Structures are given as C-alpha cells and as structure tokens.
Protein backbone atom coordinates (compact mmCIF):
# COMPACT_ATOMS: atom_id res chain seq x y z
CA MET A 1 154.53 -22.99 167.78
CA VAL A 2 150.93 -24.12 168.55
CA ASN A 3 150.32 -25.40 172.59
CA GLU A 4 148.18 -28.15 172.58
CA VAL A 5 145.52 -28.44 175.02
CA TYR A 6 144.38 -31.79 175.66
CA ILE A 7 140.47 -31.69 177.79
CA ILE A 8 139.20 -34.96 179.44
CA ASP A 9 135.81 -35.16 180.11
CA ASP A 10 133.21 -37.78 178.50
CA ASP A 11 131.07 -35.30 177.10
CA GLU A 12 132.27 -32.54 175.62
CA SER A 13 130.41 -30.01 177.21
CA SER A 14 133.66 -27.97 177.52
CA ILE A 15 135.49 -28.10 173.82
CA ALA A 16 132.66 -24.89 173.81
CA VAL A 17 133.72 -22.52 175.80
CA PHE A 18 137.29 -23.00 176.17
CA ARG A 19 136.87 -22.54 172.19
CA GLU A 20 135.30 -19.73 172.96
CA LEU A 21 137.48 -18.20 175.07
CA PHE A 22 140.54 -18.55 173.23
CA ARG A 23 138.69 -17.11 169.90
CA GLU A 24 141.69 -14.72 170.06
CA ASP A 25 144.19 -16.61 170.85
CA LYS A 26 145.69 -18.90 167.37
CA GLU A 27 148.94 -20.74 169.28
CA TYR A 28 145.86 -22.43 170.78
CA LYS A 29 144.36 -25.96 169.95
CA PHE A 30 141.82 -26.93 171.80
CA ILE A 31 141.07 -31.04 171.50
CA SER A 32 138.65 -33.18 173.59
CA VAL A 33 139.67 -36.67 174.90
CA LYS A 34 137.21 -39.14 176.37
CA THR A 35 138.49 -41.36 179.37
CA GLU A 36 138.36 -44.16 177.74
CA GLN A 37 141.36 -42.50 174.84
CA ILE A 38 143.87 -40.37 177.94
CA ASP A 39 146.63 -43.18 176.90
CA ILE A 40 146.09 -41.88 173.22
CA ALA A 41 145.94 -38.73 174.05
CA LEU A 42 149.57 -38.69 176.24
CA ASN A 43 150.69 -39.97 173.89
CA ASN A 44 150.84 -37.34 171.94
CA ILE A 45 152.53 -35.47 174.72
CA PRO A 46 150.12 -32.19 175.09
CA SER A 47 151.05 -28.43 176.02
CA LEU A 48 148.60 -28.80 178.68
CA ILE A 49 145.74 -31.17 180.10
CA VAL A 50 142.06 -29.93 182.07
CA ILE A 51 140.42 -32.49 183.63
CA ASN A 52 136.30 -31.30 183.79
CA GLU A 53 135.92 -33.82 186.70
CA ASP A 54 131.52 -33.66 186.48
CA ALA A 55 131.97 -35.43 183.04
CA ILE A 56 134.01 -38.47 183.81
CA ASP A 57 132.51 -42.30 185.27
CA ARG A 58 136.52 -43.24 186.33
CA ASP A 59 137.26 -41.52 189.93
CA VAL A 60 139.97 -38.33 189.38
CA ILE A 61 142.25 -38.81 191.55
CA ASP A 62 143.10 -42.15 189.49
CA VAL A 63 143.20 -40.57 185.87
CA CYS A 64 145.59 -37.98 187.55
CA ARG A 65 147.59 -40.53 189.03
CA LYS A 66 148.14 -41.74 185.46
CA ILE A 67 149.47 -38.40 183.68
CA ARG A 68 151.67 -38.39 186.25
CA LYS A 69 153.12 -42.44 185.87
CA ASP A 70 153.21 -41.07 181.85
CA GLU A 71 157.37 -41.64 181.73
CA ASP A 72 157.07 -37.82 179.36
CA ASN A 73 154.33 -36.55 180.50
CA THR A 74 155.96 -36.08 184.04
CA ILE A 75 155.94 -31.89 183.76
CA THR A 76 152.91 -31.31 182.13
CA PRO A 77 150.68 -29.52 184.20
CA VAL A 78 147.80 -30.65 184.55
CA ILE A 79 144.06 -28.11 185.80
CA VAL A 80 141.28 -30.18 187.83
CA VAL A 81 138.22 -28.42 187.59
CA SER A 82 135.28 -29.53 189.49
CA SER A 83 132.24 -29.24 191.64
CA ASN A 84 132.78 -30.23 194.15
CA SER A 85 134.43 -27.74 197.00
CA SER A 86 135.03 -30.18 199.74
CA ARG A 87 138.85 -29.27 201.01
CA GLU A 88 139.64 -33.16 201.74
CA HIS A 89 139.10 -33.74 198.10
CA ARG A 90 141.26 -30.82 196.88
CA MET A 91 143.45 -31.80 199.13
CA LYS A 92 143.95 -35.21 197.48
CA VAL A 93 143.72 -33.94 193.99
CA LEU A 94 146.69 -31.37 194.45
CA ASN A 95 148.69 -34.04 196.34
CA GLU A 96 148.50 -36.03 193.35
CA SER A 97 151.24 -33.40 191.62
CA ILE A 98 148.34 -31.40 190.41
CA GLU A 99 148.97 -27.36 189.70
CA TYR A 100 145.92 -26.37 190.21
CA PHE A 101 142.62 -27.58 191.30
CA ILE A 102 139.74 -24.55 190.06
CA ARG A 103 136.04 -25.43 191.22
CA LYS A 104 132.61 -24.60 189.47
CA PRO A 105 130.84 -21.76 188.37
CA VAL A 106 133.87 -21.22 186.89
CA ASP A 107 135.76 -17.78 186.17
CA GLU A 108 136.49 -17.98 182.06
CA GLY A 109 138.97 -14.85 183.39
CA TYR A 110 140.86 -17.02 186.21
CA LEU A 111 140.10 -20.02 183.91
CA TYR A 112 141.80 -18.60 181.13
CA TYR A 113 144.91 -16.59 182.18
CA THR A 114 145.80 -20.09 184.73
CA VAL A 115 145.65 -22.18 181.18
CA LYS A 116 148.26 -18.50 179.51
CA ASN A 117 150.11 -17.95 182.99
CA LEU A 118 150.54 -22.44 183.60
CA THR A 119 152.00 -22.54 179.00
CA ARG A 120 154.59 -19.37 179.88
CA LEU A 121 155.82 -21.24 182.27
CA LEU A 122 156.10 -24.72 180.76
CA THR A 123 157.26 -23.06 177.44
CA ILE A 124 160.70 -21.23 179.99
CA ASN A 125 161.09 -24.34 182.44
CA ARG A 126 161.09 -26.86 180.05
CA ARG A 127 164.16 -23.97 178.65
CA MET A 128 166.30 -26.23 180.88
CA SER A 129 170.26 -24.33 178.84
CA PRO A 130 170.74 -21.22 181.27
CA LEU A 131 173.46 -20.27 178.99
CA THR A 132 172.07 -20.64 175.70
CA GLY A 133 167.92 -20.82 177.27
CA LEU A 134 166.65 -23.85 174.69
CA PRO A 135 165.41 -27.21 175.97
CA GLY A 136 166.99 -29.62 176.89
CA ASN A 137 166.95 -33.30 176.62
CA VAL A 138 163.87 -34.13 177.91
CA GLN A 139 161.62 -31.72 175.62
CA ILE A 140 164.17 -33.05 173.36
CA ASN A 141 163.38 -36.20 173.65
CA SER A 142 159.71 -35.29 173.71
CA GLU A 143 159.44 -33.48 170.07
CA LEU A 144 160.64 -36.20 168.59
CA LYS A 145 158.96 -38.70 170.08
CA LYS A 146 155.57 -36.69 168.94
CA ARG A 147 156.39 -36.47 165.43
CA LEU A 148 157.53 -39.83 165.26
CA ILE A 149 153.99 -41.08 167.25
CA LYS A 150 152.77 -37.82 164.38
CA ASN A 151 153.79 -40.01 161.42
CA GLU A 152 155.28 -36.25 160.46
CA GLU A 153 157.99 -36.39 158.08
CA PHE A 154 160.75 -34.43 159.83
CA SER A 155 165.17 -34.00 159.33
CA VAL A 156 166.71 -33.85 162.17
CA ILE A 157 170.06 -31.47 162.89
CA TYR A 158 172.99 -32.70 164.71
CA ILE A 159 175.29 -29.09 164.89
CA ASP A 160 178.23 -29.40 167.60
CA LEU A 161 181.96 -27.39 167.08
CA ASP A 162 184.98 -28.36 165.82
CA ASN A 163 188.81 -28.51 168.20
CA PHE A 164 186.12 -27.07 170.75
CA LYS A 165 188.30 -27.98 173.87
CA ALA A 166 191.28 -26.95 172.39
CA TYR A 167 189.73 -23.53 172.22
CA ASN A 168 188.67 -23.11 175.97
CA ASP A 169 192.25 -24.70 176.73
CA VAL A 170 193.69 -21.50 175.22
CA TYR A 171 191.15 -18.88 175.71
CA GLY A 172 188.95 -19.97 178.81
CA PHE A 173 185.76 -21.46 179.67
CA LEU A 174 184.03 -17.87 179.11
CA LYS A 175 184.94 -17.09 176.53
CA GLY A 176 183.96 -20.88 174.74
CA ASP A 177 180.73 -20.05 176.04
CA GLN A 178 180.14 -16.88 174.24
CA ILE A 179 180.76 -19.19 171.16
CA ILE A 180 178.55 -21.36 172.54
CA GLN A 181 175.48 -17.98 172.67
CA TYR A 182 177.44 -17.32 168.92
CA THR A 183 176.35 -20.80 167.71
CA ALA A 184 172.93 -21.80 168.95
CA ASN A 185 172.23 -18.04 167.92
CA ILE A 186 172.92 -18.67 164.93
CA ILE A 187 171.23 -23.25 164.25
CA VAL A 188 167.95 -20.22 165.90
CA ASN A 189 167.90 -18.03 163.28
CA ALA A 190 168.79 -20.06 160.42
CA VAL A 191 165.87 -21.81 161.46
CA HIS A 192 163.84 -19.25 162.88
CA ASP A 193 161.27 -18.96 159.57
CA ASN A 194 160.14 -21.81 160.68
CA SER A 195 156.46 -21.75 161.80
CA ASN A 196 156.91 -25.57 163.29
CA GLY A 197 160.81 -25.62 163.68
CA PHE A 198 162.88 -26.22 166.59
CA VAL A 199 165.60 -26.17 168.18
CA GLY A 200 167.60 -27.84 171.07
CA HIS A 201 171.34 -27.50 173.36
CA ILE A 202 172.35 -31.19 174.14
CA GLY A 203 174.69 -30.70 176.22
CA GLY A 204 178.11 -28.77 176.03
CA ASP A 205 179.15 -27.78 172.16
CA ASP A 206 176.08 -29.82 170.87
CA PHE A 207 172.96 -29.40 169.68
CA ILE A 208 169.62 -30.05 167.17
CA ALA A 209 167.61 -28.95 164.99
CA ILE A 210 163.90 -30.48 163.76
CA VAL A 211 162.49 -29.16 161.07
CA PRO A 212 159.96 -30.59 158.31
CA GLY A 213 160.37 -31.88 155.54
CA LYS A 214 163.96 -32.66 153.97
CA ASP A 215 164.74 -30.66 152.37
CA VAL A 216 167.45 -28.78 154.76
CA GLU A 217 170.34 -28.61 151.67
CA LYS A 218 170.06 -24.53 152.18
CA LEU A 219 169.87 -24.52 156.05
CA CYS A 220 172.58 -26.16 155.96
CA GLN A 221 174.44 -24.59 154.41
CA SER A 222 173.78 -21.30 156.23
CA ILE A 223 174.57 -22.18 159.90
CA ILE A 224 177.67 -23.50 158.19
CA SER A 225 178.45 -19.85 156.41
CA ASN A 226 176.67 -17.35 159.39
CA PHE A 227 179.00 -18.86 161.43
CA ASP A 228 182.25 -19.18 159.93
CA SER A 229 181.82 -15.37 159.19
CA GLY A 230 182.37 -14.74 162.40
CA VAL A 231 184.10 -17.14 164.55
CA LYS A 232 186.78 -14.27 163.92
CA LYS A 233 186.08 -12.21 166.36
CA PHE A 234 186.77 -15.15 169.42
CA TYR A 235 190.11 -15.05 168.57
CA ASN A 236 193.23 -12.94 168.26
CA GLU A 237 194.93 -11.25 165.57
CA LYS A 238 197.71 -13.82 165.77
CA ASP A 239 196.03 -16.96 165.70
CA TYR A 240 192.59 -16.43 163.09
CA GLU A 241 195.82 -15.41 160.39
CA GLU A 242 197.57 -18.59 161.35
CA GLY A 243 194.70 -20.58 161.09
CA TYR A 244 195.29 -22.53 164.50
CA ILE A 245 195.76 -22.79 168.01
CA GLU A 246 198.71 -24.56 169.79
CA VAL A 247 198.02 -26.56 173.28
CA ALA A 248 200.52 -28.91 174.82
CA ASN A 249 199.09 -32.69 175.21
CA ARG A 250 199.50 -34.77 178.32
CA LYS A 251 202.61 -35.43 177.60
CA GLY A 252 203.94 -31.70 177.53
CA ILE A 253 204.03 -31.50 173.84
CA ILE A 254 202.65 -28.61 171.33
CA GLU A 255 199.69 -29.37 169.40
CA LYS A 256 198.78 -27.17 166.54
CA PHE A 257 194.98 -26.97 166.47
CA PRO A 258 192.63 -25.33 163.73
CA ILE A 259 190.65 -22.32 163.72
CA THR A 260 186.83 -24.20 165.74
CA SER A 261 185.09 -25.35 163.10
CA ILE A 262 180.53 -26.85 162.84
CA SER A 263 180.21 -30.42 161.87
CA VAL A 264 176.19 -30.52 160.78
CA ALA A 265 175.11 -33.50 160.72
CA VAL A 266 171.39 -34.58 158.45
CA VAL A 267 169.12 -37.51 159.47
CA VAL A 268 166.09 -38.25 156.63
CA ALA A 269 163.07 -39.06 158.68
CA ASP A 270 161.15 -39.82 156.07
CA ILE A 271 157.62 -40.99 157.07
CA GLY A 272 158.10 -45.13 159.15
CA ARG A 273 161.52 -45.50 158.45
CA PHE A 274 162.82 -44.71 162.02
CA ALA A 275 160.04 -47.04 164.84
CA ASN A 276 161.15 -45.25 167.75
CA ILE A 277 164.06 -42.01 168.56
CA LEU A 278 166.54 -44.80 169.71
CA GLU A 279 167.10 -45.96 165.67
CA ILE A 280 167.07 -41.75 164.56
CA GLY A 281 170.81 -41.97 167.50
CA ASP A 282 172.45 -44.73 166.16
CA VAL A 283 171.98 -43.53 162.65
CA ALA A 284 173.46 -40.82 163.64
CA THR A 285 175.97 -41.71 164.71
CA GLN A 286 177.38 -42.60 161.80
CA VAL A 287 176.75 -39.52 160.19
CA LYS A 288 178.87 -37.72 162.75
CA HIS A 289 181.93 -40.13 162.27
CA ALA A 290 181.50 -39.42 158.48
CA VAL A 291 180.97 -35.14 158.55
CA LYS A 292 184.04 -34.93 161.45
CA ASN A 293 186.41 -36.79 159.30
CA VAL A 294 186.23 -33.39 156.46
CA MET A 295 188.90 -30.54 157.62
CA GLY A 296 186.75 -27.17 158.70
CA SER A 297 182.79 -26.83 158.60
CA SER A 298 181.12 -29.35 156.84
CA TYR A 299 177.38 -31.60 156.95
CA ALA A 300 176.78 -34.48 155.12
CA ILE A 301 172.82 -36.34 154.59
CA ASP A 302 171.51 -39.42 155.25
CA ARG A 303 169.02 -40.11 152.54
CA ARG A 304 168.74 -43.46 153.42
CA ARG A 305 164.50 -45.15 153.84
CA SER A 306 163.25 -47.35 155.17
CA LYS A 307 163.54 -51.41 153.99
C-alpha cells in the first residue's frame, strides 16, 4: 500500500529533498501542498504530514490546530521542520499534539528514519483489533471516504458468520476466537493479490473488504469455498456429521443450529453512485438481509446504479 506524505510549504522547496531521500522506496509518494490547499489535503487523509515552517505564510500553530481539529486526521502523524530553535517555540508546537519537531539544519538520515518509523507505527496502531491484527472502524471509515473523495470505482464486501452465537454457547469463546481468526486469514488471503485491496475488522464476526472495480464474483466464491472447506476442524466429529449443534434457548427448549456458515454481501460503488459512507451502509443493510435469508454460505451483489 502506498503511503501518501503531504509536504506543506508555499514555495515547494522541500519536495525535491524528500523525493531524493526516498528514491528507492516505491511505497512512498510525496505531494507538495500550499497552505491555501490544506483543506483539500486533509480530505485525502494522508499517511503523514510534514510542515516546513520556514516556507509557509501562516502561523504554524494555526496550521497544526487546523490539522488536529479535522476528525479524519486526528491520528495522522505530523512533523514540523523549522529553523526556529527556541525551546519555547518547540514546546508550543508539540503542545498541539504534533509528533516531532525537527530543527534545521536537518540531518537527512534522521529525517528519513523519522518518516519511516512514524508511518510504520501508524500502520501498527491503526490495527485496532488485538484478535485479528486488522484495522478497525476509524481506518475503515477513512478508507471508504478516501475512495469516494477520489471518485474511484470500488466494491465494498461485508462478511459475517451465521449461527456464530450458538457456536460460542456450545464450544466457548476461546474456540469462537479461533473461528474469527480463521475467517480473518481467509479474507486477507483472498484479497492479498490485490495491492489496493483493504481488509478491516468491524468487530465480533463482522468484517469488511474494499477492493477496486466491481468484478468480485471469484473473490466471493473463494472466500466461501475456503471457509466451508476448513470449518470442519472447529467441530467435534459427531456435531459436524449431524450438521447441527443443539442449544437451549431462554425457556430451556433445545434448538438445533446448523454448522457455522459465512455470508458475503457486496455493494458495488460505481463512480458517483454514493455521496457518503452512510449511503453505502444503507444499501449494505438491504443486501445483508437478502443474503441472510439463504441457508448455508452464500453471497449477494448489489449492482444498482445511481439514478
């Protein structure tokens, strides 16, 4: 995945330095942004922001506050590079929740590893789920917003498990966690070949994948096939052979629940179809309802176009 780093300076004096420093690192893309374009930059939710204080016309404190007040960039790391070496000034900048203040003249090696390590740390920290190591809702929403802003064509794939609560009731939460991890690995491996694909863990047994384009039939089939072929190992032989487990409901009546299966609901986001992520969620609810009405593992794809 490409890390977009925005360099805020009004004279574009810094961009050449960064591009030369990272000439061998193809996973980084450096973009020069003037202070008057900050709103546009924040909408794109960059991986990192570097402010060259000496090359901007606005007060650096105001710029830092603007970045931190933007809800989509609350966790975007910021580096301020400046020739103002007074301790008081440094403290004022860092007080705005800025990660690093680097004084000029800049040690290029120090700058290089600071950028590398900050983006690495951000990647780790954005993996909100301790169980699966996948990004959580903050990053999921950011990914969706970013693709809408860039006017891309993409597909949003919602994945969850059927009869999972019954499984937890019979086999316990530790075994349930194992199925969650198993499901996460299947989804990640299915999306792995797509360099611009994204997989997130919404919570519990709910996952999301975001992939470019709308040709997702094979991807859905792969997820279902791999899940069904391996779920057997999470059951004892008797339950799996019978095809169900028995669970007492609140009234003490025994109910039969089928072997855990997987449901995949897809919303195709044609260019211009959705104005925001809430609209995607509304359609997803409809598709999920449709696919849940099918017994066993299944998928459904919503391809409706905007009117």
